[in-house]
Amino acid sequence: MSFFFYAVCTLGVVLGGVVLLVLYSLLVMAHKGEECLDQLELEMLNTYNQTQLLKKSEKSKKRCAPPISDLYHGGTT
């Protein structure tokens, strides 16, 4: 075996290791990105639910119209 053969084998192993390391890094970053997106979606959903609850509570406090049953019965029950 010649020096050239050992150099090619060593270079192949090193380049293969670098390729595997890059692929692993990309997979880890993609997984971490998905976790961040999931967390952001949960925060947005919680914020939306909280604003909806606030709107409902404000609507219930500001009732100026009579209930629907009063409208159908001519104002008296």
N, C-alpha and C. Protein backbone atom coordinates (compact mmCIF):
# COMPACT_ATOMS: atom_id res chain seq x y z
N MET A 1 0.83 -1.16 0.00
CA MET A 1 0.00 0.00 0.00
C MET A 1 0.89 1.23 0.00
N SER A 2 0.42 2.20 -0.70
CA SER A 2 1.23 3.40 -0.84
C SER A 2 0.71 4.52 0.06
N PHE A 3 1.51 5.53 0.14
CA PHE A 3 1.16 6.71 0.92
C PHE A 3 -0.09 7.36 0.35
N PHE A 4 -0.24 7.36 -0.97
CA PHE A 4 -1.38 7.96 -1.64
C PHE A 4 -2.68 7.27 -1.20
N PHE A 5 -2.66 5.96 -1.09
CA PHE A 5 -3.85 5.21 -0.68
C PHE A 5 -4.25 5.59 0.74
N TYR A 6 -3.29 5.67 1.66
CA TYR A 6 -3.59 6.05 3.03
C TYR A 6 -4.10 7.50 3.11
N ALA A 7 -3.56 8.36 2.31
CA ALA A 7 -3.99 9.76 2.29
C ALA A 7 -5.44 9.86 1.80
N VAL A 8 -5.80 9.11 0.76
CA VAL A 8 -7.16 9.13 0.24
C VAL A 8 -8.14 8.55 1.26
N CYS A 9 -7.76 7.47 1.92
CA CYS A 9 -8.63 6.88 2.95
C CYS A 9 -8.83 7.84 4.12
N THR A 10 -7.76 8.45 4.57
CA THR A 10 -7.86 9.40 5.67
C THR A 10 -8.72 10.59 5.29
N LEU A 11 -8.51 11.11 4.09
CA LEU A 11 -9.30 12.24 3.62
C LEU A 11 -10.78 11.86 3.50
N GLY A 12 -11.07 10.65 3.05
CA GLY A 12 -12.45 10.18 2.94
C GLY A 12 -13.13 10.08 4.30
N VAL A 13 -12.39 9.56 5.28
CA VAL A 13 -12.94 9.45 6.63
C VAL A 13 -13.21 10.83 7.22
N VAL A 14 -12.27 11.75 7.03
CA VAL A 14 -12.44 13.10 7.57
C VAL A 14 -13.62 13.80 6.90
N LEU A 15 -13.71 13.73 5.59
CA LEU A 15 -14.81 14.38 4.88
C LEU A 15 -16.15 13.73 5.23
N GLY A 16 -16.17 12.42 5.36
CA GLY A 16 -17.39 11.74 5.78
C GLY A 16 -17.84 12.17 7.16
N GLY A 17 -16.89 12.32 8.07
CA GLY A 17 -17.21 12.79 9.41
C GLY A 17 -17.75 14.21 9.40
N VAL A 18 -17.17 15.05 8.56
CA VAL A 18 -17.65 16.44 8.46
C VAL A 18 -19.07 16.47 7.90
N VAL A 19 -19.34 15.65 6.90
CA VAL A 19 -20.69 15.59 6.33
C VAL A 19 -21.69 15.11 7.37
N LEU A 20 -21.35 14.08 8.12
CA LEU A 20 -22.25 13.60 9.16
C LEU A 20 -22.47 14.65 10.25
N LEU A 21 -21.42 15.37 10.61
CA LEU A 21 -21.55 16.42 11.61
C LEU A 21 -22.47 17.54 11.12
N VAL A 22 -22.34 17.93 9.87
CA VAL A 22 -23.19 18.98 9.30
C VAL A 22 -24.65 18.51 9.27
N LEU A 23 -24.90 17.27 8.84
CA LEU A 23 -26.26 16.76 8.80
C LEU A 23 -26.87 16.70 10.20
N TYR A 24 -26.10 16.25 11.17
CA TYR A 24 -26.59 16.19 12.54
C TYR A 24 -26.92 17.60 13.06
N SER A 25 -26.05 18.55 12.75
CA SER A 25 -26.28 19.92 13.20
C SER A 25 -27.56 20.49 12.57
N LEU A 26 -27.78 20.21 11.30
CA LEU A 26 -28.99 20.69 10.63
C LEU A 26 -30.24 20.07 11.26
N LEU A 27 -30.18 18.79 11.58
CA LEU A 27 -31.32 18.14 12.20
C LEU A 27 -31.61 18.71 13.59
N VAL A 28 -30.57 18.97 14.35
CA VAL A 28 -30.75 19.54 15.70
C VAL A 28 -31.34 20.94 15.60
N MET A 29 -30.84 21.75 14.66
CA MET A 29 -31.36 23.10 14.51
C MET A 29 -32.82 23.07 14.04
N ALA A 30 -33.17 22.15 13.16
CA ALA A 30 -34.56 22.04 12.70
C ALA A 30 -35.47 21.64 13.86
N HIS A 31 -35.02 20.72 14.69
CA HIS A 31 -35.82 20.29 15.85
C HIS A 31 -36.01 21.45 16.83
N LYS A 32 -34.94 22.20 17.06
CA LYS A 32 -35.02 23.33 17.98
C LYS A 32 -35.93 24.42 17.40
N GLY A 33 -35.89 24.61 16.09
CA GLY A 33 -36.77 25.59 15.45
C GLY A 33 -38.22 25.20 15.58
N GLU A 34 -38.53 23.91 15.44
CA GLU A 34 -39.90 23.44 15.61
C GLU A 34 -40.38 23.66 17.03
N GLU A 35 -39.51 23.42 18.01
CA GLU A 35 -39.89 23.66 19.40
C GLU A 35 -40.19 25.13 19.63
N CYS A 36 -39.38 26.01 19.06
CA CYS A 36 -39.61 27.44 19.23
C CYS A 36 -40.92 27.86 18.57
N LEU A 37 -41.21 27.32 17.39
CA LEU A 37 -42.48 27.64 16.73
C LEU A 37 -43.67 27.13 17.52
N ASP A 38 -43.56 25.94 18.08
CA ASP A 38 -44.64 25.40 18.91
C ASP A 38 -44.88 26.29 20.13
N GLN A 39 -43.79 26.72 20.76
CA GLN A 39 -43.92 27.58 21.93
C GLN A 39 -44.55 28.92 21.54
N LEU A 40 -44.16 29.47 20.39
CA LEU A 40 -44.73 30.73 19.93
C LEU A 40 -46.21 30.58 19.64
N GLU A 41 -46.60 29.46 19.01
CA GLU A 41 -48.02 29.22 18.74
C GLU A 41 -48.81 29.12 20.03
N LEU A 42 -48.27 28.45 21.04
CA LEU A 42 -48.96 28.34 22.33
C LEU A 42 -49.12 29.71 22.99
N GLU A 43 -48.08 30.53 22.92
CA GLU A 43 -48.17 31.86 23.49
C GLU A 43 -49.21 32.70 22.76
N MET A 44 -49.25 32.60 21.43
CA MET A 44 -50.23 33.35 20.66
C MET A 44 -51.64 32.87 20.99
N LEU A 45 -51.83 31.56 21.13
CA LEU A 45 -53.14 31.00 21.46
C LEU A 45 -53.58 31.45 22.85
N ASN A 46 -52.66 31.43 23.81
CA ASN A 46 -53.00 31.89 25.16
C ASN A 46 -53.36 33.37 25.16
N THR A 47 -52.64 34.18 24.41
CA THR A 47 -52.93 35.60 24.32
C THR A 47 -54.30 35.81 23.68
N TYR A 48 -54.60 35.06 22.63
CA TYR A 48 -55.89 35.17 21.96
C TYR A 48 -57.02 34.78 22.91
N ASN A 49 -56.84 33.69 23.64
CA ASN A 49 -57.88 33.25 24.58
C ASN A 49 -58.09 34.28 25.69
N GLN A 50 -57.02 34.87 26.16
CA GLN A 50 -57.14 35.87 27.22
C GLN A 50 -57.87 37.10 26.71
N THR A 51 -57.58 37.53 25.48
CA THR A 51 -58.27 38.70 24.93
C THR A 51 -59.74 38.39 24.69
N GLN A 52 -60.05 37.17 24.29
CA GLN A 52 -61.45 36.80 24.09
C GLN A 52 -62.20 36.80 25.42
N LEU A 53 -61.56 36.32 26.47
CA LEU A 53 -62.20 36.34 27.79
C LEU A 53 -62.44 37.77 28.26
N LEU A 54 -61.46 38.65 28.00
CA LEU A 54 -61.64 40.05 28.39
C LEU A 54 -62.77 40.69 27.62
N LYS A 55 -62.88 40.40 26.32
CA LYS A 55 -63.96 40.97 25.51
C LYS A 55 -65.31 40.47 26.00
N LYS A 56 -65.40 39.19 26.35
CA LYS A 56 -66.67 38.65 26.84
C LYS A 56 -67.06 39.28 28.16
N SER A 57 -66.08 39.47 29.05
CA SER A 57 -66.41 40.06 30.34
C SER A 57 -66.80 41.52 30.18
N GLU A 58 -66.20 42.24 29.25
CA GLU A 58 -66.57 43.63 29.00
C GLU A 58 -67.97 43.71 28.41
N LYS A 59 -68.32 42.78 27.54
CA LYS A 59 -69.65 42.79 26.94
C LYS A 59 -70.71 42.51 27.99
N SER A 60 -70.43 41.61 28.90
CA SER A 60 -71.43 41.27 29.91
C SER A 60 -71.65 42.44 30.88
N LYS A 61 -70.66 43.28 31.09
CA LYS A 61 -70.80 44.41 31.99
C LYS A 61 -71.53 45.57 31.33
N LYS A 62 -71.46 45.67 30.01
CA LYS A 62 -72.03 46.82 29.30
C LYS A 62 -73.34 46.47 28.60
N ARG A 63 -74.23 45.81 29.27
CA ARG A 63 -75.51 45.47 28.65
C ARG A 63 -76.46 46.65 28.80
N CYS A 64 -76.91 47.15 27.69
CA CYS A 64 -77.88 48.23 27.70
C CYS A 64 -79.22 47.75 27.15
N ALA A 65 -79.21 46.72 26.35
CA ALA A 65 -80.43 46.22 25.73
C ALA A 65 -81.11 45.23 26.65
N PRO A 66 -82.42 45.15 26.59
CA PRO A 66 -83.13 44.16 27.40
C PRO A 66 -82.85 42.76 26.89
N PRO A 67 -83.04 41.75 27.72
CA PRO A 67 -82.84 40.38 27.27
C PRO A 67 -83.79 40.03 26.13
N ILE A 68 -83.46 39.03 25.36
CA ILE A 68 -84.25 38.64 24.20
C ILE A 68 -85.64 38.19 24.62
N SER A 69 -85.76 37.53 25.76
CA SER A 69 -87.08 37.07 26.20
C SER A 69 -88.03 38.24 26.40
N ASP A 70 -87.53 39.39 26.86
CA ASP A 70 -88.37 40.57 27.03
C ASP A 70 -88.83 41.11 25.68
N LEU A 71 -88.02 41.03 24.68
CA LEU A 71 -88.40 41.52 23.36
C LEU A 71 -89.51 40.68 22.76
N TYR A 72 -89.48 39.39 22.96
CA TYR A 72 -90.50 38.52 22.39
C TYR A 72 -91.83 38.60 23.12
N HIS A 73 -91.78 38.93 24.40
CA HIS A 73 -93.01 38.96 25.19
C HIS A 73 -93.55 40.36 25.37
N GLY A 74 -93.07 41.29 24.62
CA GLY A 74 -93.61 42.65 24.71
C GLY A 74 -93.12 43.39 25.94
N GLY A 75 -92.03 42.99 26.50
CA GLY A 75 -91.46 43.70 27.62
C GLY A 75 -91.91 43.18 28.97
N THR A 76 -92.94 42.33 29.00
CA THR A 76 -93.39 41.77 30.28
C THR A 76 -93.35 40.25 30.19
N THR A 77 -93.16 39.64 31.33
CA THR A 77 -93.13 38.17 31.34
C THR A 77 -94.30 37.62 32.11
